[in-house]
C-alpha atoms as a PDB file:
ATOM      1  CA  MET A   1      16.265   4.157 -28.152  1.00  0.00           C
ATOM      2  CA  ILE A   2      15.167   6.435 -25.328  1.00  0.00           C
ATOM      3  CA  THR A   3      14.902  10.130 -26.114  1.00  0.00           C
ATOM      4  CA  LYS A   4      14.868  13.154 -23.850  1.00  0.00           C
ATOM      5  CA  ASN A   5      11.276  13.865 -24.873  1.00  0.00           C
ATOM      6  CA  ARG A   6      10.198  10.385 -23.773  1.00  0.00           C
ATOM      7  CA  VAL A   7      11.767  10.870 -20.339  1.00  0.00           C
ATOM      8  CA  ILE A   8      10.032  14.236 -19.882  1.00  0.00           C
ATOM      9  CA  TYR A   9       6.744  12.864 -21.232  1.00  0.00           C
ATOM     10  CA  GLY A  10       6.887   9.986 -18.733  1.00  0.00           C
ATOM     11  CA  ASP A  11       7.323  12.443 -15.862  1.00  0.00           C
ATOM     12  CA  ILE A  12       4.404  14.568 -17.057  1.00  0.00           C
ATOM     13  CA  ILE A  13       2.149  11.504 -17.322  1.00  0.00           C
ATOM     14  CA  VAL A  14       3.016  10.537 -13.728  1.00  0.00           C
ATOM     15  CA  LEU A  15       2.101  14.040 -12.543  1.00  0.00           C
ATOM     16  CA  VAL A  16      -1.203  13.911 -14.442  1.00  0.00           C
ATOM     17  CA  ALA A  17      -1.979  10.515 -12.900  1.00  0.00           C
ATOM     18  CA  LEU A  18      -1.210  11.823  -9.418  1.00  0.00           C
ATOM     19  CA  ALA A  19      -3.536  14.778 -10.013  1.00  0.00           C
ATOM     20  CA  ALA A  20      -6.227  12.395 -11.255  1.00  0.00           C
ATOM     21  CA  LEU A  21      -5.799  10.263  -8.140  1.00  0.00           C
ATOM     22  CA  TYR A  22      -6.247  13.337  -5.971  1.00  0.00           C
ATOM     23  CA  PHE A  23      -9.495  14.327  -7.687  1.00  0.00           C
ATOM     24  CA  VAL A  24     -10.876  10.802  -8.122  1.00  0.00           C
ATOM     25  CA  THR A  25     -10.422   9.794  -4.494  1.00  0.00           C
ATOM     26  CA  ALA A  26     -12.398  12.808  -3.327  1.00  0.00           C
ATOM     27  CA  HIS A  27     -15.511  11.388  -5.008  1.00  0.00           C
ATOM     28  CA  PHE A  28     -14.969   7.663  -5.611  1.00  0.00           C
ATOM     29  CA  THR A  29     -13.200   5.725  -2.879  1.00  0.00           C
ATOM     30  CA  GLN A  30     -13.592   2.460  -4.824  1.00  0.00           C
ATOM     31  CA  ASN A  31     -11.006   3.554  -7.399  1.00  0.00           C
ATOM     32  CA  VAL A  32      -8.127   4.097  -4.974  1.00  0.00           C
ATOM     33  CA  LEU A  33      -6.569   0.652  -5.450  1.00  0.00           C
ATOM     34  CA  ALA A  34      -6.866   0.724  -9.231  1.00  0.00           C
ATOM     35  CA  MET A  35      -5.444   4.229  -9.501  1.00  0.00           C
ATOM     36  CA  SER A  36      -2.627   3.344  -7.098  1.00  0.00           C
ATOM     37  CA  LEU A  37      -1.648   0.380  -9.255  1.00  0.00           C
ATOM     38  CA  VAL A  38      -1.695   2.518 -12.392  1.00  0.00           C
ATOM     39  CA  ILE A  39       0.508   5.123 -10.708  1.00  0.00           C
ATOM     40  CA  LEU A  40       2.961   2.436  -9.594  1.00  0.00           C
ATOM     41  CA  VAL A  41       3.239   1.156 -13.163  1.00  0.00           C
ATOM     42  CA  LEU A  42       3.753   4.682 -14.497  1.00  0.00           C
ATOM     43  CA  ILE A  43       6.395   5.464 -11.879  1.00  0.00           C
ATOM     44  CA  GLY A  44       8.189   2.200 -12.644  1.00  0.00           C
ATOM     45  CA  ARG A  45       8.168   2.989 -16.347  1.00  0.00           C
ATOM     46  CA  SER A  46       9.441   6.500 -15.713  1.00  0.00           C
ATOM     47  CA  ILE A  47      12.270   5.177 -13.520  1.00  0.00           C
ATOM     48  CA  PHE A  48      13.211   2.673 -16.227  1.00  0.00           C
ATOM     49  CA  TRP A  49      13.326   5.454 -18.836  1.00  0.00           C
ATOM     50  CA  HIS A  50      15.430   7.641 -16.532  1.00  0.00           C
ATOM     51  CA  VAL A  51      17.932   4.858 -15.840  1.00  0.00           C
ATOM     52  CA  THR A  52      18.205   3.958 -19.521  1.00  0.00           C
ATOM     53  CA  TRP A  53      18.615   7.620 -20.497  1.00  0.00           C
ATOM     54  CA  TYR A  54      21.301   8.104 -17.829  1.00  0.00           C
ATOM     55  CA  LYS A  55      23.199   5.020 -19.019  1.00  0.00           C
ATOM     56  CA  GLN A  56      23.122   6.282 -22.618  1.00  0.00           C
ATOM     57  CA  THR A  57      24.012   9.923 -22.040  1.00  0.00           C
ATOM     58  CA  GLY A  58      25.292  10.340 -18.481  1.00  0.00           C
ATOM     59  CA  LYS A  59      22.742  13.142 -17.970  1.00  0.00           C
ATOM     60  CA  ILE A  60      19.624  13.266 -15.846  1.00  0.00           C
ATOM     61  CA  TYR A  61      17.680  15.298 -18.433  1.00  0.00           C
END
């Protein structure tokens, strides 16, 4: 079962990963591909949680 906290937590993790990508790419250009793949997985997971939550409750948050 998806909870509201899980949906919000997923969004926060995506934002943290985006911030990490911003700071990591300034110093290490080799990590851009790896960080991009991680962010894509996190965004996909967050979208899945949002869709499941919306189907269960009819609410965005």
